[in-house]
Amino acid sequence: MAGGLREAIVDWYGVAARDLPWRRVGAGAWGILVSEIMLQQTPVARVLPVWEEWMERWPTPAALAGEPPGEAVRHWGRLGYPRRALNLHACARVITDDHGGRVPSTYAELRELPGIGDYTAAAVASFAYGQSHAVLDTNVRRVLARAVRGEEFPSKTPTAAERTLAESLVPALDAPRWAVAVMELGALVCTARAPRCALCPVADQCAWRLAGRPAYDGPARRGQTYAGTDRQCRGRLLAVLREAHGPVPKAALDATWSDPLQRERALDGLITDGLAEPLPDGTYRLPGTTTGSPS
């Protein structure tokens, strides 16, 4: 079954793959690393314009490393989870200082970069350097859960058995193409909420479909909420800092959120996470950015 499954998905990818800039030859390892970090928990449509702006402004790790971390946060825009911007900036500095400005090629070295986990290291090693790794993102895990194990959804976190399965499916030749093909299938067809089984190239092999698409029977899957949360409050505070041309007075931050306890908690969180910097005069700014007159 493994060989037929791989062949069908890879053939489908050859016809259905999206033309994304980080998949093109000229993207390079740095462009791929930037895309992988931006794409974490963020749809492609939102990432595309920000990735293009980043690559134009910071085409190399050294270019980003030469600017304050606050500029990375500013240009992260509204992608969400802005600590990823700080991680990218930290990666750029390590790559520049310790790797001669070249994104390291081995999985082990990639894992040592700030904020880089198993998935991102495997993805960059595979897509940038053509290596053979099991690349397990959410989409891949869902496809394998359904097609091979007959389960609607995978567990919350990857298990040893799941990793063993993924590794057993990595082909001896052209492993990166298999990795991106199964990822694309999960993104476009085998989606979480409304899988398009009629369009799936492995529908006739899918264990979940053949079993009658049994409903998920694991722990409750909770949808993400945003309105009224600390995360939304943090986002509003950060938006003020990001859009300002200099330090921001406390009153400007206070005006963004009515609940003072939640607002102060969110601001403290931004400072702790290195996303905001308090100044001696009581104003605030993005970390390391130029100090000028309060906005």
Protein backbone atom coordinates (compact mmCIF):
# COMPACT_ATOMS: atom_id res chain seq x y z
CA MET A 1 0.00 0.00 0.00
CA ALA A 2 2.80 2.45 0.87
CA GLY A 3 4.21 2.59 -2.64
CA GLY A 4 0.80 3.09 -4.25
CA LEU A 5 -0.14 5.75 -1.73
CA ARG A 6 3.06 7.71 -2.31
CA GLU A 7 2.86 7.45 -6.09
CA ALA A 8 -0.75 8.63 -6.22
CA ILE A 9 -0.12 11.62 -3.94
CA VAL A 10 3.08 12.67 -5.70
CA ASP A 11 1.39 12.40 -9.12
CA TRP A 12 -1.52 14.51 -7.85
CA TYR A 13 0.92 17.11 -6.53
CA GLY A 14 2.51 17.40 -9.96
CA VAL A 15 -0.82 18.70 -11.27
CA ALA A 16 -2.37 20.46 -8.27
CA ALA A 17 0.59 22.11 -6.50
CA ARG A 18 0.30 25.82 -5.79
CA ASP A 19 2.98 28.08 -7.22
CA LEU A 20 4.34 29.54 -4.00
CA PRO A 21 7.44 31.75 -4.06
CA TRP A 22 9.30 29.84 -1.34
CA ARG A 23 9.00 26.68 -3.45
CA ARG A 24 10.84 28.24 -6.36
CA VAL A 25 14.51 27.54 -6.98
CA GLY A 26 15.61 31.09 -6.18
CA ALA A 27 14.06 31.14 -2.71
CA GLY A 28 17.12 29.54 -1.11
CA ALA A 29 17.46 28.16 2.38
CA TRP A 30 16.87 31.55 4.05
CA GLY A 31 13.63 32.14 2.14
CA ILE A 32 12.45 28.64 3.05
CA LEU A 33 13.31 29.12 6.72
CA VAL A 34 11.42 32.43 6.82
CA SER A 35 8.38 30.86 5.14
CA GLU A 36 8.31 27.87 7.49
CA ILE A 37 8.31 30.07 10.57
CA MET A 38 5.69 32.42 9.13
CA LEU A 39 3.42 29.55 8.10
CA GLN A 40 3.16 28.13 11.62
CA GLN A 41 -0.54 28.45 12.53
CA THR A 42 -1.02 31.02 9.75
CA PRO A 43 -2.75 30.58 6.35
CA VAL A 44 -0.73 30.92 3.15
CA ALA A 45 -2.84 33.86 1.92
CA ARG A 46 -1.82 35.97 4.92
CA VAL A 47 1.82 34.94 4.75
CA LEU A 48 2.42 35.66 1.06
CA PRO A 49 2.57 39.50 1.13
CA VAL A 50 4.55 39.59 4.38
CA TRP A 51 7.06 37.01 3.15
CA GLU A 52 7.62 38.97 -0.04
CA GLU A 53 8.14 42.20 1.90
CA TRP A 54 10.58 40.48 4.27
CA MET A 55 12.61 38.94 1.48
CA GLU A 56 12.86 42.27 -0.30
CA ARG A 57 13.92 44.09 2.86
CA TRP A 58 16.04 41.30 4.37
CA PRO A 59 17.21 39.01 1.55
CA THR A 60 19.91 37.46 3.76
CA PRO A 61 20.22 36.56 7.45
CA ALA A 62 22.90 39.23 7.83
CA ALA A 63 20.53 41.92 6.57
CA LEU A 64 17.99 41.08 9.27
CA ALA A 65 20.63 40.57 11.96
CA GLY A 66 21.89 44.10 11.33
CA GLU A 67 18.61 45.67 12.44
CA PRO A 68 17.04 45.88 15.92
CA PRO A 69 14.68 43.04 16.86
CA GLY A 70 11.85 45.55 17.11
CA GLU A 71 12.01 46.09 13.36
CA ALA A 72 11.31 42.39 12.84
CA VAL A 73 8.27 42.72 15.11
CA ARG A 74 7.13 45.85 13.25
CA HIS A 75 7.28 44.20 9.85
CA TRP A 76 5.67 41.02 11.12
CA GLY A 77 2.45 42.96 10.78
CA ARG A 78 -0.70 41.07 11.73
CA LEU A 79 0.51 37.52 11.20
CA GLY A 80 -0.05 36.79 14.89
CA TYR A 81 2.17 35.00 17.41
CA PRO A 82 4.80 37.78 17.09
CA ARG A 83 7.40 35.94 19.15
CA ARG A 84 8.07 34.15 15.88
CA ALA A 85 9.47 37.45 14.59
CA LEU A 86 11.89 37.59 17.51
CA ASN A 87 12.86 33.97 16.89
CA LEU A 88 13.61 34.74 13.25
CA HIS A 89 15.71 37.72 14.25
CA ALA A 90 17.59 35.58 16.79
CA CYS A 91 18.08 32.91 14.12
CA ALA A 92 19.48 35.52 11.74
CA ARG A 93 22.03 36.62 14.32
CA VAL A 94 23.16 33.08 15.10
CA ILE A 95 23.36 32.21 11.41
CA THR A 96 25.38 35.36 10.75
CA ASP A 97 27.71 35.03 13.73
CA ASP A 98 28.19 31.27 13.91
CA HIS A 99 27.52 29.96 10.40
CA GLY A 100 29.09 32.58 8.17
CA GLY A 101 25.70 33.92 7.10
CA ARG A 102 24.57 30.60 5.59
CA VAL A 103 21.57 28.70 6.93
CA PRO A 104 23.01 25.44 8.33
CA SER A 105 22.22 22.34 6.31
CA THR A 106 22.01 19.56 8.87
CA TYR A 107 18.97 18.72 10.95
CA ALA A 108 21.06 18.78 14.14
CA GLU A 109 22.43 22.27 13.46
CA LEU A 110 19.02 23.59 12.48
CA ARG A 111 17.53 22.28 15.74
CA GLU A 112 20.07 24.35 17.64
CA LEU A 113 18.80 27.61 16.15
CA PRO A 114 16.57 29.73 18.44
CA GLY A 115 12.94 28.64 18.38
CA ILE A 116 13.45 25.89 15.79
CA GLY A 117 11.66 22.63 16.55
CA ASP A 118 11.58 19.21 14.98
CA TYR A 119 9.18 20.07 12.19
CA THR A 120 10.94 23.26 11.03
CA ALA A 121 14.40 21.65 11.13
CA ALA A 122 13.16 18.67 9.10
CA ALA A 123 11.33 20.92 6.64
CA VAL A 124 14.32 23.20 5.97
CA ALA A 125 16.75 20.26 5.70
CA SER A 126 14.35 18.61 3.24
CA PHE A 127 13.15 21.52 1.11
CA ALA A 128 16.32 23.61 1.09
CA TYR A 129 18.93 20.86 0.98
CA GLY A 130 17.11 17.86 -0.50
CA GLN A 131 17.60 15.63 2.51
CA SER A 132 15.45 12.69 3.60
CA HIS A 133 13.38 13.39 6.72
CA ALA A 134 9.88 12.68 8.01
CA VAL A 135 8.29 16.14 7.88
CA LEU A 136 5.36 16.08 10.29
CA ASP A 137 3.20 19.18 10.24
CA THR A 138 -0.52 19.29 11.11
CA ASN A 139 -1.59 18.62 7.52
CA VAL A 140 0.71 15.63 7.09
CA ARG A 141 -0.35 14.14 10.40
CA ARG A 142 -4.03 14.43 9.43
CA VAL A 143 -3.51 12.78 6.03
CA LEU A 144 -1.62 9.87 7.54
CA ALA A 145 -4.13 9.48 10.37
CA ARG A 146 -6.96 9.13 7.87
CA ALA A 147 -5.35 7.36 4.93
CA VAL A 148 -3.30 4.82 6.87
CA ARG A 149 -4.67 4.51 10.40
CA GLY A 150 -8.36 5.08 9.63
CA GLU A 151 -8.72 7.89 12.19
CA GLU A 152 -10.38 11.23 11.52
CA PHE A 153 -7.77 13.22 13.45
CA PRO A 154 -4.33 12.53 14.89
CA SER A 155 -3.54 12.89 18.58
CA LYS A 156 -2.81 16.32 19.98
CA THR A 157 0.93 15.76 19.81
CA PRO A 158 2.91 13.31 17.65
CA THR A 159 3.42 9.87 19.18
CA ALA A 160 6.34 7.51 18.73
CA ALA A 161 4.13 5.19 16.66
CA GLU A 162 3.07 8.07 14.45
CA ARG A 163 6.67 9.09 13.84
CA THR A 164 7.63 5.51 13.06
CA LEU A 165 4.80 5.36 10.50
CA ALA A 166 5.86 8.64 8.90
CA GLU A 167 9.48 7.52 8.68
CA SER A 168 8.46 4.21 7.10
CA LEU A 169 6.71 6.11 4.31
CA VAL A 170 9.69 8.31 3.39
CA PRO A 171 10.84 7.07 -0.03
CA ALA A 172 14.43 6.26 -0.84
CA LEU A 173 14.39 8.71 -3.75
CA ASP A 174 13.03 12.27 -3.89
CA ALA A 175 11.90 12.34 -0.27
CA PRO A 176 11.37 16.16 -0.26
CA ARG A 177 8.82 15.91 -3.07
CA TRP A 178 6.86 13.31 -1.11
CA ALA A 179 6.99 15.52 1.98
CA VAL A 180 5.62 18.61 0.23
CA ALA A 181 3.06 16.57 -1.75
CA VAL A 182 1.41 15.01 1.29
CA MET A 183 1.52 18.39 3.04
CA GLU A 184 -0.25 19.99 0.07
CA LEU A 185 -2.89 17.27 0.05
CA GLY A 186 -3.71 18.03 3.67
CA ALA A 187 -3.88 21.76 3.00
CA LEU A 188 -6.07 21.61 -0.11
CA VAL A 189 -8.10 18.39 -0.01
CA CYS A 190 -7.85 16.44 3.25
CA THR A 191 -8.78 19.46 5.32
CA ALA A 192 -9.79 19.37 8.97
CA ARG A 193 -13.37 20.60 8.74
CA ALA A 194 -14.57 19.66 5.27
CA PRO A 195 -12.40 17.02 3.58
CA ARG A 196 -12.99 16.90 -0.19
CA CYS A 197 -12.85 13.12 -0.55
CA ALA A 198 -14.26 13.23 -4.08
CA LEU A 199 -11.09 15.04 -5.19
CA CYS A 200 -8.63 12.94 -3.20
CA PRO A 201 -6.12 10.92 -5.24
CA VAL A 202 -6.03 8.18 -2.59
CA ALA A 203 -9.74 8.02 -1.74
CA ASP A 204 -9.86 4.40 -2.90
CA GLN A 205 -7.02 3.53 -0.49
CA CYS A 206 -8.03 5.72 2.46
CA ALA A 207 -8.64 3.58 5.55
CA TRP A 208 -10.85 6.24 7.15
CA ARG A 209 -13.09 6.59 4.10
CA LEU A 210 -13.29 2.83 3.55
CA ALA A 211 -14.36 2.43 7.18
CA GLY A 212 -17.27 4.82 6.62
CA ARG A 213 -15.52 7.96 7.91
CA PRO A 214 -15.98 7.16 11.63
CA ALA A 215 -16.20 10.24 13.84
CA TYR A 216 -13.28 11.25 16.02
CA ASP A 217 -13.56 9.61 19.44
CA GLY A 218 -10.59 11.15 21.23
CA PRO A 219 -10.44 14.07 23.69
CA ALA A 220 -12.64 17.05 22.83
CA ARG A 221 -11.13 19.25 20.12
CA ARG A 222 -11.59 22.84 21.20
CA GLY A 223 -11.76 25.63 18.67
CA GLN A 224 -9.56 28.66 19.22
CA THR A 225 -11.22 31.76 20.65
CA TYR A 226 -9.84 35.26 20.21
CA ALA A 227 -12.37 37.99 21.05
CA GLY A 228 -11.87 39.33 24.55
CA THR A 229 -8.77 37.25 25.26
CA ASP A 230 -5.38 38.35 26.53
CA ARG A 231 -4.09 37.50 23.07
CA GLN A 232 -6.43 40.06 21.49
CA CYS A 233 -5.44 42.63 24.09
CA ARG A 234 -1.75 41.98 23.43
CA GLY A 235 -2.39 42.38 19.73
CA ARG A 236 -3.94 45.81 20.19
CA LEU A 237 -1.12 47.02 22.42
CA LEU A 238 1.48 45.71 20.01
CA ALA A 239 -0.29 47.34 17.05
CA VAL A 240 0.13 50.75 18.69
CA LEU A 241 3.84 50.15 19.27
CA ARG A 242 4.32 48.77 15.77
CA GLU A 243 2.65 51.69 14.04
CA ALA A 244 4.36 54.40 16.10
CA HIS A 245 7.42 56.31 14.84
CA GLY A 246 8.87 56.72 18.31
CA PRO A 247 8.20 55.89 21.95
CA VAL A 248 4.56 55.57 22.92
CA PRO A 249 3.11 57.24 26.04
CA LYS A 250 1.30 54.97 28.47
CA ALA A 251 -1.97 56.82 27.84
CA ALA A 252 -1.94 55.70 24.20
CA LEU A 253 -1.66 52.08 25.30
CA ASP A 254 -4.34 52.51 27.97
CA ALA A 255 -6.78 53.73 25.32
CA THR A 256 -6.65 50.41 23.47
CA TRP A 257 -8.42 48.26 26.09
CA SER A 258 -11.06 49.05 28.71
CA ASP A 259 -10.19 46.41 31.32
CA PRO A 260 -7.16 47.80 33.21
CA LEU A 261 -6.23 44.52 34.92
CA GLN A 262 -6.25 42.57 31.67
CA ARG A 263 -4.44 45.39 29.88
CA GLU A 264 -1.65 45.55 32.45
CA ARG A 265 -1.32 41.77 32.43
CA ALA A 266 -1.04 41.78 28.65
CA LEU A 267 1.52 44.60 28.69
CA ASP A 268 3.59 42.80 31.32
CA GLY A 269 3.46 39.72 29.11
CA LEU A 270 4.74 41.66 26.11
CA ILE A 271 7.62 43.03 28.16
CA THR A 272 8.47 39.58 29.55
CA ASP A 273 8.42 38.11 26.04
CA GLY A 274 10.75 40.81 24.74
CA LEU A 275 8.13 42.31 22.44
CA ALA A 276 7.88 45.66 24.24
CA GLU A 277 10.48 47.73 26.04
CA PRO A 278 9.71 50.21 28.85
CA LEU A 279 11.81 53.37 28.89
CA PRO A 280 12.90 55.42 31.94
CA ASP A 281 10.52 58.27 31.05
CA GLY A 282 7.48 55.99 31.30
CA THR A 283 7.03 55.47 27.56
CA TYR A 284 7.25 52.19 25.63
CA ARG A 285 8.73 51.07 22.32
CA LEU A 286 9.46 47.98 20.27
CA PRO A 287 12.68 46.33 21.50
CA GLY A 288 15.89 48.01 20.39
CA THR A 289 14.27 50.51 18.04
CA THR A 290 15.41 54.11 17.78
CA THR A 291 14.24 56.39 20.55
CA GLY A 292 12.67 59.62 19.36
CA SER A 293 9.86 61.89 20.49
CA PRO A 294 6.78 60.19 21.92
CA SER A 295 4.11 59.57 19.28
